[in-house]
Amino acid sequence: MSETLDARTVREWGRRYSNWGRFGPDDERGTLNFITPERVLAALRLPRHGRVISCGLPFERDGPARGGRWNPIHTMLADGGDVTRRPGGFAYADDAVHMPLQCGTQWDALAHVFYDGRMYGDRDIALVSSSGAAANSIDKIRDGVVGRGVLLDVARHRGVDWLEDGEGIAPEELDACAERQGVTVEPGDVVLLRTGKMARHLEAGSWDGYVGPSPGLSLHCARWIFEREVAAVASDTFCVEVNPPETRDCVMPLHMVSLRNTGLLLGEMFALDTLAEACAEDGEWAFLFAAPPLPITGAVGSPINPLAIK
């Protein structure tokens, strides 16, 4: 990984690892097409213990959102104090929430990033307007994501509590981690990547610095993702890929190649510590995984509560 990576690399690898047209001219699901009915049925046979583990953060005011995103603002529309206003003492509670769709555990839609005026499927970015995304929006995958999940606990593989900010993860390390865990990444898998970044902030009791420099996948993993026909990748960081980026003239280079060109579903801010402990205890690193997005028409992302069933 000593070669110089720049915007030219992103464009070249974007062409090399492109799935544009592979699933038909009207495709808006990208790599989720690798989760076939047969693979869903195979994943349903994985659970042996009946244990359901959430990989989602609580959506609350004290969450990890920073910068241009804010944490959920939960408001009660009707509460216990309103009971006397209802006839006969019969009443109800009601509430609302105001939040960015990507302020916590979430999926990025294929309309989330673009360059050179095009997004996944060679579609014009003008299709993403102030009214929302007219193509590649998150509601196009409303009937997913369900399939085989695989956890790669890179922090445990390295023998550390967490990776340091700015540390990249090479494709060779993903293979070594999988081999050590006795699991194989197969086509159509949802790969969950644990760096320990979230554990570090939860242990410190502060989200300060969570959105910023971070460990994550190297841009070199774009080929690994493409060749293995991975359906989705999610991690316990805010951006999945290593930050600061390896390209000084391009932001989010792995997003640009793998999401824009490969059509990869990317998940961020997944809470993976409980799942990691369960996998280490029973030695089973593959499981049934379900994490459908909210079918918000035209949205470029969605909050989720991912579930691993062991």
C-alpha atoms as a PDB file:
ATOM      1  CA  MET A   1       0.000   0.000   0.000  1.00  0.00           C
ATOM      2  CA  SER A   2       2.980   2.306  -0.547  1.00  0.00           C
ATOM      3  CA  GLU A   3       1.806   3.693  -3.902  1.00  0.00           C
ATOM      4  CA  THR A   4       0.465   7.213  -4.183  1.00  0.00           C
ATOM      5  CA  LEU A   5      -3.330   7.363  -4.132  1.00  0.00           C
ATOM      6  CA  ASP A   6      -5.131  10.376  -5.555  1.00  0.00           C
ATOM      7  CA  ALA A   7      -8.245  11.460  -7.421  1.00  0.00           C
ATOM      8  CA  ARG A   8      -6.901   9.850 -10.590  1.00  0.00           C
ATOM      9  CA  THR A   9      -6.715   6.546  -8.725  1.00  0.00           C
ATOM     10  CA  VAL A  10     -10.321   6.948  -7.608  1.00  0.00           C
ATOM     11  CA  ARG A  11     -11.509   7.515 -11.161  1.00  0.00           C
ATOM     12  CA  GLU A  12      -9.415   4.643 -12.546  1.00  0.00           C
ATOM     13  CA  TRP A  13     -10.479   2.169  -9.863  1.00  0.00           C
ATOM     14  CA  GLY A  14     -14.044   3.413 -10.165  1.00  0.00           C
ATOM     15  CA  ARG A  15     -14.064   2.308 -13.802  1.00  0.00           C
ATOM     16  CA  ARG A  16     -12.287  -0.941 -12.945  1.00  0.00           C
ATOM     17  CA  TYR A  17     -14.626  -1.947 -10.116  1.00  0.00           C
ATOM     18  CA  SER A  18     -17.868  -0.700 -11.638  1.00  0.00           C
ATOM     19  CA  ASN A  19     -21.119  -2.661 -11.606  1.00  0.00           C
ATOM     20  CA  TRP A  20     -22.936  -0.127 -13.788  1.00  0.00           C
ATOM     21  CA  GLY A  21     -25.225  -2.067 -16.108  1.00  0.00           C
ATOM     22  CA  ARG A  22     -24.355  -5.437 -14.569  1.00  0.00           C
ATOM     23  CA  PHE A  23     -27.833  -5.893 -13.103  1.00  0.00           C
ATOM     24  CA  GLY A  24     -29.734  -4.218 -15.931  1.00  0.00           C
ATOM     25  CA  PRO A  25     -30.190  -0.600 -17.035  1.00  0.00           C
ATOM     26  CA  ASP A  26     -32.843   0.185 -14.407  1.00  0.00           C
ATOM     27  CA  ASP A  27     -31.007  -1.245 -11.401  1.00  0.00           C
ATOM     28  CA  GLU A  28     -31.122   0.806  -8.186  1.00  0.00           C
ATOM     29  CA  ARG A  29     -30.131  -1.948  -5.728  1.00  0.00           C
ATOM     30  CA  GLY A  30     -26.479  -2.365  -6.564  1.00  0.00           C
ATOM     31  CA  THR A  31     -24.656  -5.096  -4.680  1.00  0.00           C
ATOM     32  CA  LEU A  32     -27.811  -6.129  -2.831  1.00  0.00           C
ATOM     33  CA  ASN A  33     -28.534  -8.062  -6.020  1.00  0.00           C
ATOM     34  CA  PHE A  34     -25.954 -10.555  -4.748  1.00  0.00           C
ATOM     35  CA  ILE A  35     -28.369 -11.545  -1.958  1.00  0.00           C
ATOM     36  CA  THR A  36     -30.354 -14.071  -3.964  1.00  0.00           C
ATOM     37  CA  PRO A  37     -33.425 -15.956  -2.664  1.00  0.00           C
ATOM     38  CA  GLU A  38     -31.218 -19.038  -2.313  1.00  0.00           C
ATOM     39  CA  ARG A  39     -28.764 -17.114  -0.124  1.00  0.00           C
ATOM     40  CA  VAL A  40     -31.571 -15.766   2.032  1.00  0.00           C
ATOM     41  CA  LEU A  41     -32.850 -19.308   2.609  1.00  0.00           C
ATOM     42  CA  ALA A  42     -29.331 -20.490   3.446  1.00  0.00           C
ATOM     43  CA  ALA A  43     -28.945 -17.631   5.956  1.00  0.00           C
ATOM     44  CA  LEU A  44     -32.203 -18.651   7.647  1.00  0.00           C
ATOM     45  CA  ARG A  45     -30.559 -21.942   8.565  1.00  0.00           C
ATOM     46  CA  LEU A  46     -27.693 -20.276  10.450  1.00  0.00           C
ATOM     47  CA  PRO A  47     -29.263 -19.468  13.850  1.00  0.00           C
ATOM     48  CA  ARG A  48     -28.696 -22.170  16.462  1.00  0.00           C
ATOM     49  CA  HIS A  49     -29.309 -20.362  19.762  1.00  0.00           C
ATOM     50  CA  GLY A  50     -32.291 -18.115  19.088  1.00  0.00           C
ATOM     51  CA  ARG A  51     -30.381 -15.109  20.374  1.00  0.00           C
ATOM     52  CA  VAL A  52     -31.196 -11.740  18.812  1.00  0.00           C
ATOM     53  CA  ILE A  53     -28.565  -8.999  19.141  1.00  0.00           C
ATOM     54  CA  SER A  54     -29.160  -5.386  18.181  1.00  0.00           C
ATOM     55  CA  CYS A  55     -26.302  -3.604  16.415  1.00  0.00           C
ATOM     56  CA  GLY A  56     -27.960  -0.200  16.663  1.00  0.00           C
ATOM     57  CA  LEU A  57     -27.169   2.778  18.845  1.00  0.00           C
ATOM     58  CA  PRO A  58     -29.960   4.433  20.843  1.00  0.00           C
ATOM     59  CA  PHE A  59     -31.360   7.442  18.977  1.00  0.00           C
ATOM     60  CA  GLU A  60     -31.066  10.091  21.670  1.00  0.00           C
ATOM     61  CA  ARG A  61     -29.968  13.667  22.335  1.00  0.00           C
ATOM     62  CA  ASP A  62     -26.554  12.530  23.597  1.00  0.00           C
ATOM     63  CA  GLY A  63     -25.642  10.666  20.421  1.00  0.00           C
ATOM     64  CA  PRO A  64     -22.556  10.809  18.193  1.00  0.00           C
ATOM     65  CA  ALA A  65     -23.776  13.311  15.563  1.00  0.00           C
ATOM     66  CA  ARG A  66     -21.497  16.313  15.039  1.00  0.00           C
ATOM     67  CA  GLY A  67     -20.862  19.017  12.470  1.00  0.00           C
ATOM     68  CA  GLY A  68     -23.731  19.578  10.063  1.00  0.00           C
ATOM     69  CA  ARG A  69     -25.768  16.771  11.628  1.00  0.00           C
ATOM     70  CA  TRP A  70     -27.485  16.933  14.982  1.00  0.00           C
ATOM     71  CA  ASN A  71     -28.722  14.316  17.406  1.00  0.00           C
ATOM     72  CA  PRO A  72     -32.417  13.391  17.588  1.00  0.00           C
ATOM     73  CA  ILE A  73     -34.769  15.879  19.214  1.00  0.00           C
ATOM     74  CA  HIS A  74     -37.556  13.876  20.793  1.00  0.00           C
ATOM     75  CA  THR A  75     -40.734  15.800  21.615  1.00  0.00           C
ATOM     76  CA  MET A  76     -43.864  14.629  23.394  1.00  0.00           C
ATOM     77  CA  LEU A  77     -47.073  15.664  21.647  1.00  0.00           C
ATOM     78  CA  ALA A  78     -49.299  14.214  24.348  1.00  0.00           C
ATOM     79  CA  ASP A  79     -48.286  12.875  27.761  1.00  0.00           C
ATOM     80  CA  GLY A  80     -49.641  11.911  31.167  1.00  0.00           C
ATOM     81  CA  GLY A  81     -50.335  15.518  32.014  1.00  0.00           C
ATOM     82  CA  ASP A  82     -52.935  15.671  29.279  1.00  0.00           C
ATOM     83  CA  VAL A  83     -55.155  12.962  30.760  1.00  0.00           C
ATOM     84  CA  THR A  84     -57.600  15.379  32.369  1.00  0.00           C
ATOM     85  CA  ARG A  85     -58.333  16.894  28.972  1.00  0.00           C
ATOM     86  CA  ARG A  86     -59.853  13.660  27.711  1.00  0.00           C
ATOM     87  CA  PRO A  87     -63.398  12.571  28.532  1.00  0.00           C
ATOM     88  CA  GLY A  88     -63.731   9.918  31.190  1.00  0.00           C
ATOM     89  CA  GLY A  89     -60.020   9.895  31.997  1.00  0.00           C
ATOM     90  CA  PHE A  90     -59.153   7.797  28.933  1.00  0.00           C
ATOM     91  CA  ALA A  91     -56.083   9.146  27.166  1.00  0.00           C
ATOM     92  CA  TYR A  92     -52.944   8.306  25.196  1.00  0.00           C
ATOM     93  CA  ALA A  93     -49.360   9.431  24.746  1.00  0.00           C
ATOM     94  CA  ASP A  94     -47.920  10.566  21.429  1.00  0.00           C
ATOM     95  CA  ASP A  95     -44.572  11.892  20.303  1.00  0.00           C
ATOM     96  CA  ALA A  96     -42.404  13.077  17.417  1.00  0.00           C
ATOM     97  CA  VAL A  97     -38.725  13.143  16.522  1.00  0.00           C
ATOM     98  CA  HIS A  98     -36.690  15.605  14.475  1.00  0.00           C
ATOM     99  CA  MET A  99     -33.332  14.355  13.238  1.00  0.00           C
ATOM    100  CA  PRO A 100     -31.059  13.913  10.224  1.00  0.00           C
ATOM    101  CA  LEU A 101     -31.510  10.458   8.732  1.00  0.00           C
ATOM    102  CA  GLN A 102     -27.774   9.775   9.115  1.00  0.00           C
ATOM    103  CA  CYS A 103     -27.157  10.936  12.677  1.00  0.00           C
ATOM    104  CA  GLY A 104     -26.820   7.426  14.132  1.00  0.00           C
ATOM    105  CA  THR A 105     -26.721   3.811  12.995  1.00  0.00           C
ATOM    106  CA  GLN A 106     -27.694   4.028   9.336  1.00  0.00           C
ATOM    107  CA  TRP A 107     -27.378   2.945   5.725  1.00  0.00           C
ATOM    108  CA  ASP A 108     -26.108   5.182   2.924  1.00  0.00           C
ATOM    109  CA  ALA A 109     -28.282   5.066  -0.176  1.00  0.00           C
ATOM    110  CA  LEU A 110     -26.719   4.827  -3.634  1.00  0.00           C
ATOM    111  CA  ALA A 111     -27.660   8.495  -4.132  1.00  0.00           C
ATOM    112  CA  HIS A 112     -25.439   9.529  -1.223  1.00  0.00           C
ATOM    113  CA  VAL A 113     -22.196  10.351  -3.085  1.00  0.00           C
ATOM    114  CA  PHE A 114     -21.179  11.256  -6.626  1.00  0.00           C
ATOM    115  CA  TYR A 115     -18.493  12.865  -8.744  1.00  0.00           C
ATOM    116  CA  ASP A 116     -18.120  14.236 -12.263  1.00  0.00           C
ATOM    117  CA  GLY A 117     -21.854  14.855 -12.323  1.00  0.00           C
ATOM    118  CA  ARG A 118     -22.804  11.166 -12.153  1.00  0.00           C
ATOM    119  CA  MET A 119     -23.919   8.731  -9.468  1.00  0.00           C
ATOM    120  CA  TYR A 120     -24.440   4.956  -9.415  1.00  0.00           C
ATOM    121  CA  GLY A 121     -25.778   3.578 -12.676  1.00  0.00           C
ATOM    122  CA  ASP A 122     -24.445   6.550 -14.685  1.00  0.00           C
ATOM    123  CA  ARG A 123     -27.370   8.671 -13.526  1.00  0.00           C
ATOM    124  CA  ASP A 124     -27.290  12.471 -13.530  1.00  0.00           C
ATOM    125  CA  ILE A 125     -26.828  14.043 -10.096  1.00  0.00           C
ATOM    126  CA  ALA A 126     -29.557  16.518 -11.063  1.00  0.00           C
ATOM    127  CA  LEU A 127     -31.884  13.697 -10.052  1.00  0.00           C
ATOM    128  CA  VAL A 128     -30.896  14.504  -6.457  1.00  0.00           C
ATOM    129  CA  SER A 129     -32.584  17.827  -5.752  1.00  0.00           C
ATOM    130  CA  SER A 130     -34.068  19.751  -2.845  1.00  0.00           C
ATOM    131  CA  SER A 131     -37.094  17.472  -3.223  1.00  0.00           C
ATOM    132  CA  GLY A 132     -34.976  14.378  -2.592  1.00  0.00           C
ATOM    133  CA  ALA A 133     -33.480  11.675  -4.802  1.00  0.00           C
ATOM    134  CA  ALA A 134     -35.553  10.682  -7.819  1.00  0.00           C
ATOM    135  CA  ALA A 135     -33.252   7.678  -8.335  1.00  0.00           C
ATOM    136  CA  ASN A 136     -31.038   5.449  -6.166  1.00  0.00           C
ATOM    137  CA  SER A 137     -32.952   6.491  -3.033  1.00  0.00           C
ATOM    138  CA  ILE A 138     -33.093   4.374   0.101  1.00  0.00           C
ATOM    139  CA  ASP A 139     -36.723   3.317  -0.436  1.00  0.00           C
ATOM    140  CA  LYS A 140     -35.607   1.314  -3.477  1.00  0.00           C
ATOM    141  CA  ILE A 141     -34.186  -1.303  -1.062  1.00  0.00           C
ATOM    142  CA  ARG A 142     -37.217  -1.437   1.249  1.00  0.00           C
ATOM    143  CA  ASP A 143     -37.404  -5.224   0.960  1.00  0.00           C
ATOM    144  CA  GLY A 144     -33.814  -5.699   2.166  1.00  0.00           C
ATOM    145  CA  VAL A 145     -31.463  -6.147   3.868  1.00  0.00           C
ATOM    146  CA  VAL A 146     -31.810  -9.785   4.979  1.00  0.00           C
ATOM    147  CA  GLY A 147     -29.107 -12.397   4.530  1.00  0.00           C
ATOM    148  CA  ARG A 148     -25.874 -13.804   5.888  1.00  0.00           C
ATOM    149  CA  GLY A 149     -23.896 -11.502   8.120  1.00  0.00           C
ATOM    150  CA  VAL A 150     -20.207 -11.968   8.910  1.00  0.00           C
ATOM    151  CA  LEU A 151     -18.380 -10.097  11.663  1.00  0.00           C
ATOM    152  CA  LEU A 152     -14.690  -9.392  11.136  1.00  0.00           C
ATOM    153  CA  ASP A 153     -13.344  -8.281  14.516  1.00  0.00           C
ATOM    154  CA  VAL A 154     -10.103  -6.651  13.413  1.00  0.00           C
ATOM    155  CA  ALA A 155      -9.399  -5.226  16.865  1.00  0.00           C
ATOM    156  CA  ARG A 156      -9.572  -8.692  18.432  1.00  0.00           C
ATOM    157  CA  HIS A 157      -7.506 -10.081  15.544  1.00  0.00           C
ATOM    158  CA  ARG A 158      -4.765  -7.543  16.327  1.00  0.00           C
ATOM    159  CA  GLY A 159      -5.002  -8.258  20.038  1.00  0.00           C
ATOM    160  CA  VAL A 160      -5.942  -4.684  20.959  1.00  0.00           C
ATOM    161  CA  ASP A 161      -8.978  -3.031  22.492  1.00  0.00           C
ATOM    162  CA  TRP A 162      -9.251  -0.684  19.540  1.00  0.00           C
ATOM    163  CA  LEU A 163      -7.393   0.498  16.475  1.00  0.00           C
ATOM    164  CA  GLU A 164      -5.841   3.935  16.583  1.00  0.00           C
ATOM    165  CA  ASP A 165      -7.336   6.800  14.609  1.00  0.00           C
ATOM    166  CA  GLY A 166      -5.950   7.006  11.101  1.00  0.00           C
ATOM    167  CA  GLU A 167      -4.948   3.324  10.940  1.00  0.00           C
ATOM    168  CA  GLY A 168      -5.918   1.717   7.644  1.00  0.00           C
ATOM    169  CA  ILE A 169      -7.034  -1.875   7.209  1.00  0.00           C
ATOM    170  CA  ALA A 170      -5.641  -3.664   4.168  1.00  0.00           C
ATOM    171  CA  PRO A 171      -7.496  -6.380   2.235  1.00  0.00           C
ATOM    172  CA  GLU A 172      -4.858  -8.910   3.299  1.00  0.00           C
ATOM    173  CA  GLU A 173      -5.756  -8.233   6.915  1.00  0.00           C
ATOM    174  CA  LEU A 174      -9.443  -8.842   6.227  1.00  0.00           C
ATOM    175  CA  ASP A 175      -8.537 -12.262   4.824  1.00  0.00           C
ATOM    176  CA  ALA A 176      -6.217 -13.015   7.748  1.00  0.00           C
ATOM    177  CA  CYS A 177      -8.888 -11.995  10.258  1.00  0.00           C
ATOM    178  CA  ALA A 178     -11.491 -14.190   8.565  1.00  0.00           C
ATOM    179  CA  GLU A 179      -9.099 -17.140   8.455  1.00  0.00           C
ATOM    180  CA  ARG A 180      -8.262 -16.764  12.135  1.00  0.00           C
ATOM    181  CA  GLN A 181     -11.960 -16.674  13.008  1.00  0.00           C
ATOM    182  CA  GLY A 182     -12.622 -19.722  10.842  1.00  0.00           C
ATOM    183  CA  VAL A 183     -15.111 -17.980   8.572  1.00  0.00           C
ATOM    184  CA  THR A 184     -15.165 -17.319   4.837  1.00  0.00           C
ATOM    185  CA  VAL A 185     -16.598 -14.191   3.248  1.00  0.00           C
ATOM    186  CA  GLU A 186     -19.011 -15.364   0.549  1.00  0.00           C
ATOM    187  CA  PRO A 187     -20.911 -13.605  -2.261  1.00  0.00           C
ATOM    188  CA  GLY A 188     -23.946 -11.788  -0.948  1.00  0.00           C
ATOM    189  CA  ASP A 189     -22.575 -11.426   2.583  1.00  0.00           C
ATOM    190  CA  VAL A 190     -23.062  -8.370   4.767  1.00  0.00           C
ATOM    191  CA  VAL A 191     -19.634  -7.757   6.279  1.00  0.00           C
ATOM    192  CA  LEU A 192     -19.575  -6.055   9.685  1.00  0.00           C
ATOM    193  CA  LEU A 193     -16.199  -4.558  10.572  1.00  0.00           C
ATOM    194  CA  ARG A 194     -15.269  -3.954  14.204  1.00  0.00           C
ATOM    195  CA  THR A 195     -12.383  -1.557  14.870  1.00  0.00           C
ATOM    196  CA  GLY A 196     -13.151  -0.834  18.524  1.00  0.00           C
ATOM    197  CA  LYS A 197     -13.548   2.886  17.765  1.00  0.00           C
ATOM    198  CA  MET A 198     -17.040   2.999  19.241  1.00  0.00           C
ATOM    199  CA  ALA A 199     -15.991   0.972  22.284  1.00  0.00           C
ATOM    200  CA  ARG A 200     -13.270   3.529  23.020  1.00  0.00           C
ATOM    201  CA  HIS A 201     -15.758   6.406  23.072  1.00  0.00           C
ATOM    202  CA  LEU A 202     -18.366   4.500  25.043  1.00  0.00           C
ATOM    203  CA  GLU A 203     -15.717   3.607  27.625  1.00  0.00           C
ATOM    204  CA  ALA A 204     -14.638   7.252  27.838  1.00  0.00           C
ATOM    205  CA  GLY A 205     -18.263   8.367  28.151  1.00  0.00           C
ATOM    206  CA  SER A 206     -17.845  10.968  25.412  1.00  0.00           C
ATOM    207  CA  TRP A 207     -18.481  11.194  21.667  1.00  0.00           C
ATOM    208  CA  ASP A 208     -15.974  14.022  21.281  1.00  0.00           C
ATOM    209  CA  GLY A 209     -13.646  13.135  18.421  1.00  0.00           C
ATOM    210  CA  TYR A 210     -15.792  10.244  17.178  1.00  0.00           C
ATOM    211  CA  VAL A 211     -16.594  12.139  13.989  1.00  0.00           C
ATOM    212  CA  GLY A 212     -13.102  12.899  12.727  1.00  0.00           C
ATOM    213  CA  PRO A 213      -9.878  10.914  12.411  1.00  0.00           C
ATOM    214  CA  SER A 214     -10.795   7.241  12.491  1.00  0.00           C
ATOM    215  CA  PRO A 215      -9.505   3.754  11.685  1.00  0.00           C
ATOM    216  CA  GLY A 216     -11.084   2.035   8.720  1.00  0.00           C
ATOM    217  CA  LEU A 217     -10.793   0.325   5.395  1.00  0.00           C
ATOM    218  CA  SER A 218      -8.039   1.318   3.004  1.00  0.00           C
ATOM    219  CA  LEU A 219      -9.007   2.319  -0.511  1.00  0.00           C
ATOM    220  CA  HIS A 220      -7.206  -0.867  -1.575  1.00  0.00           C
ATOM    221  CA  CYS A 221     -10.183  -2.799  -0.153  1.00  0.00           C
ATOM    222  CA  ALA A 222     -12.285  -1.632  -3.117  1.00  0.00           C
ATOM    223  CA  ARG A 223     -10.961  -4.536  -5.172  1.00  0.00           C
ATOM    224  CA  TRP A 224     -11.574  -6.999  -2.314  1.00  0.00           C
ATOM    225  CA  ILE A 225     -15.195  -5.843  -2.033  1.00  0.00           C
ATOM    226  CA  PHE A 226     -15.737  -6.020  -5.789  1.00  0.00           C
ATOM    227  CA  GLU A 227     -14.160  -9.425  -6.368  1.00  0.00           C
ATOM    228  CA  ARG A 228     -15.893 -11.098  -3.415  1.00  0.00           C
ATOM    229  CA  GLU A 229     -19.284  -9.725  -4.468  1.00  0.00           C
ATOM    230  CA  VAL A 230     -19.988  -8.431  -0.971  1.00  0.00           C
ATOM    231  CA  ALA A 231     -23.543  -7.108  -0.594  1.00  0.00           C
ATOM    232  CA  ALA A 232     -22.866  -4.534   2.121  1.00  0.00           C
ATOM    233  CA  VAL A 233     -20.159  -3.349   4.501  1.00  0.00           C
ATOM    234  CA  ALA A 234     -20.788  -1.657   7.835  1.00  0.00           C
ATOM    235  CA  SER A 235     -18.538  -0.664  10.707  1.00  0.00           C
ATOM    236  CA  ASP A 236     -18.441   0.859  14.179  1.00  0.00           C
ATOM    237  CA  THR A 237     -17.012   4.128  12.826  1.00  0.00           C
ATOM    238  CA  PHE A 238     -18.725   7.130  11.308  1.00  0.00           C
ATOM    239  CA  CYS A 239     -17.384   6.581   7.782  1.00  0.00           C
ATOM    240  CA  VAL A 240     -16.249   2.914   7.383  1.00  0.00           C
ATOM    241  CA  GLU A 241     -13.079   3.975   5.564  1.00  0.00           C
ATOM    242  CA  VAL A 242      -9.883   5.267   7.142  1.00  0.00           C
ATOM    243  CA  ASN A 243      -9.840   8.970   7.956  1.00  0.00           C
ATOM    244  CA  PRO A 244      -7.937  11.190   7.191  1.00  0.00           C
ATOM    245  CA  PRO A 245      -8.298   9.793   3.681  1.00  0.00           C
ATOM    246  CA  GLU A 246      -5.377   8.271   1.807  1.00  0.00           C
ATOM    247  CA  THR A 247      -6.114  10.673  -1.054  1.00  0.00           C
ATOM    248  CA  ARG A 248      -5.372  14.305  -0.232  1.00  0.00           C
ATOM    249  CA  ASP A 249      -7.307  15.594  -3.260  1.00  0.00           C
ATOM    250  CA  CYS A 250     -10.467  13.506  -2.837  1.00  0.00           C
ATOM    251  CA  VAL A 251     -12.858  13.138   0.095  1.00  0.00           C
ATOM    252  CA  MET A 252     -14.257   9.712   1.013  1.00  0.00           C
ATOM    253  CA  PRO A 253     -12.372   7.851  -1.765  1.00  0.00           C
ATOM    254  CA  LEU A 254     -13.706   4.401  -0.813  1.00  0.00           C
ATOM    255  CA  HIS A 255     -17.249   5.756  -0.823  1.00  0.00           C
ATOM    256  CA  MET A 256     -16.604   7.171  -4.274  1.00  0.00           C
ATOM    257  CA  VAL A 257     -15.339   3.895  -5.715  1.00  0.00           C
ATOM    258  CA  SER A 258     -17.359   1.297  -3.826  1.00  0.00           C
ATOM    259  CA  LEU A 259     -20.656   3.124  -3.374  1.00  0.00           C
ATOM    260  CA  ARG A 260     -20.776   5.195  -6.564  1.00  0.00           C
ATOM    261  CA  ASN A 261     -19.261   2.645  -8.925  1.00  0.00           C
ATOM    262  CA  THR A 262     -19.583  -0.795  -7.329  1.00  0.00           C
ATOM    263  CA  GLY A 263     -23.023   0.017  -5.916  1.00  0.00           C
ATOM    264  CA  LEU A 264     -22.075  -1.122  -2.406  1.00  0.00           C
ATOM    265  CA  LEU A 265     -24.463  -0.544   0.488  1.00  0.00           C
ATOM    266  CA  LEU A 266     -22.494   1.143   3.279  1.00  0.00           C
ATOM    267  CA  GLY A 267     -23.501   1.207   6.946  1.00  0.00           C
ATOM    268  CA  GLU A 268     -22.055   3.460   9.609  1.00  0.00           C
ATOM    269  CA  MET A 269     -22.042   3.778  13.399  1.00  0.00           C
ATOM    270  CA  PHE A 270     -22.970   0.142  14.047  1.00  0.00           C
ATOM    271  CA  ALA A 271     -22.752  -0.990  17.680  1.00  0.00           C
ATOM    272  CA  LEU A 272     -20.822  -4.247  17.366  1.00  0.00           C
ATOM    273  CA  ASP A 273     -19.356  -4.915  20.816  1.00  0.00           C
ATOM    274  CA  THR A 274     -22.137  -7.171  22.149  1.00  0.00           C
ATOM    275  CA  LEU A 275     -22.168  -9.129  18.908  1.00  0.00           C
ATOM    276  CA  ALA A 276     -18.386  -9.499  19.023  1.00  0.00           C
ATOM    277  CA  GLU A 277     -18.518 -10.951  22.525  1.00  0.00           C
ATOM    278  CA  ALA A 278     -21.249 -13.398  21.519  1.00  0.00           C
ATOM    279  CA  CYS A 279     -19.301 -14.521  18.440  1.00  0.00           C
ATOM    280  CA  ALA A 280     -16.121 -14.990  20.476  1.00  0.00           C
ATOM    281  CA  GLU A 281     -18.017 -17.042  23.062  1.00  0.00           C
ATOM    282  CA  ASP A 282     -19.583 -19.519  20.641  1.00  0.00           C
ATOM    283  CA  GLY A 283     -16.908 -19.341  17.924  1.00  0.00           C
ATOM    284  CA  GLU A 284     -19.517 -18.625  15.248  1.00  0.00           C
ATOM    285  CA  TRP A 285     -18.823 -15.477  13.243  1.00  0.00           C
ATOM    286  CA  ALA A 286     -21.605 -15.865  10.659  1.00  0.00           C
ATOM    287  CA  PHE A 287     -25.275 -15.309  11.475  1.00  0.00           C
ATOM    288  CA  LEU A 288     -28.635 -14.325  10.066  1.00  0.00           C
ATOM    289  CA  PHE A 289     -28.681 -10.574   9.604  1.00  0.00           C
ATOM    290  CA  ALA A 290     -31.654  -8.269   9.057  1.00  0.00           C
ATOM    291  CA  ALA A 291     -31.514  -4.486   8.708  1.00  0.00           C
ATOM    292  CA  PRO A 292     -34.189  -3.061   6.382  1.00  0.00           C
ATOM    293  CA  PRO A 293     -34.189   0.708   5.971  1.00  0.00           C
ATOM    294  CA  LEU A 294     -37.176   2.926   6.597  1.00  0.00           C
ATOM    295  CA  PRO A 295     -38.823   3.314   3.164  1.00  0.00           C
ATOM    296  CA  ILE A 296     -38.583   7.105   3.139  1.00  0.00           C
ATOM    297  CA  THR A 297     -39.339   8.204  -0.409  1.00  0.00           C
ATOM    298  CA  GLY A 298     -36.428  10.051  -1.986  1.00  0.00           C
ATOM    299  CA  ALA A 299     -34.107   9.767   1.019  1.00  0.00           C
ATOM    300  CA  VAL A 300     -30.344   9.331   0.612  1.00  0.00           C
ATOM    301  CA  GLY A 301     -29.974   7.431   3.893  1.00  0.00           C
ATOM    302  CA  SER A 302     -31.984   5.792   6.643  1.00  0.00           C
ATOM    303  CA  PRO A 303     -31.709   5.132  10.377  1.00  0.00           C
ATOM    304  CA  ILE A 304     -31.885   1.431  11.221  1.00  0.00           C
ATOM    305  CA  ASN A 305     -31.822  -1.051  14.080  1.00  0.00           C
ATOM    306  CA  PRO A 306     -29.745  -3.910  12.616  1.00  0.00           C
ATOM    307  CA  LEU A 307     -30.359  -7.357  14.093  1.00  0.00           C
ATOM    308  CA  ALA A 308     -27.998 -10.319  14.193  1.00  0.00           C
ATOM    309  CA  ILE A 309     -29.716 -13.615  14.958  1.00  0.00           C
ATOM    310  CA  LYS A 310     -27.453 -16.385  16.244  1.00  0.00           C
END
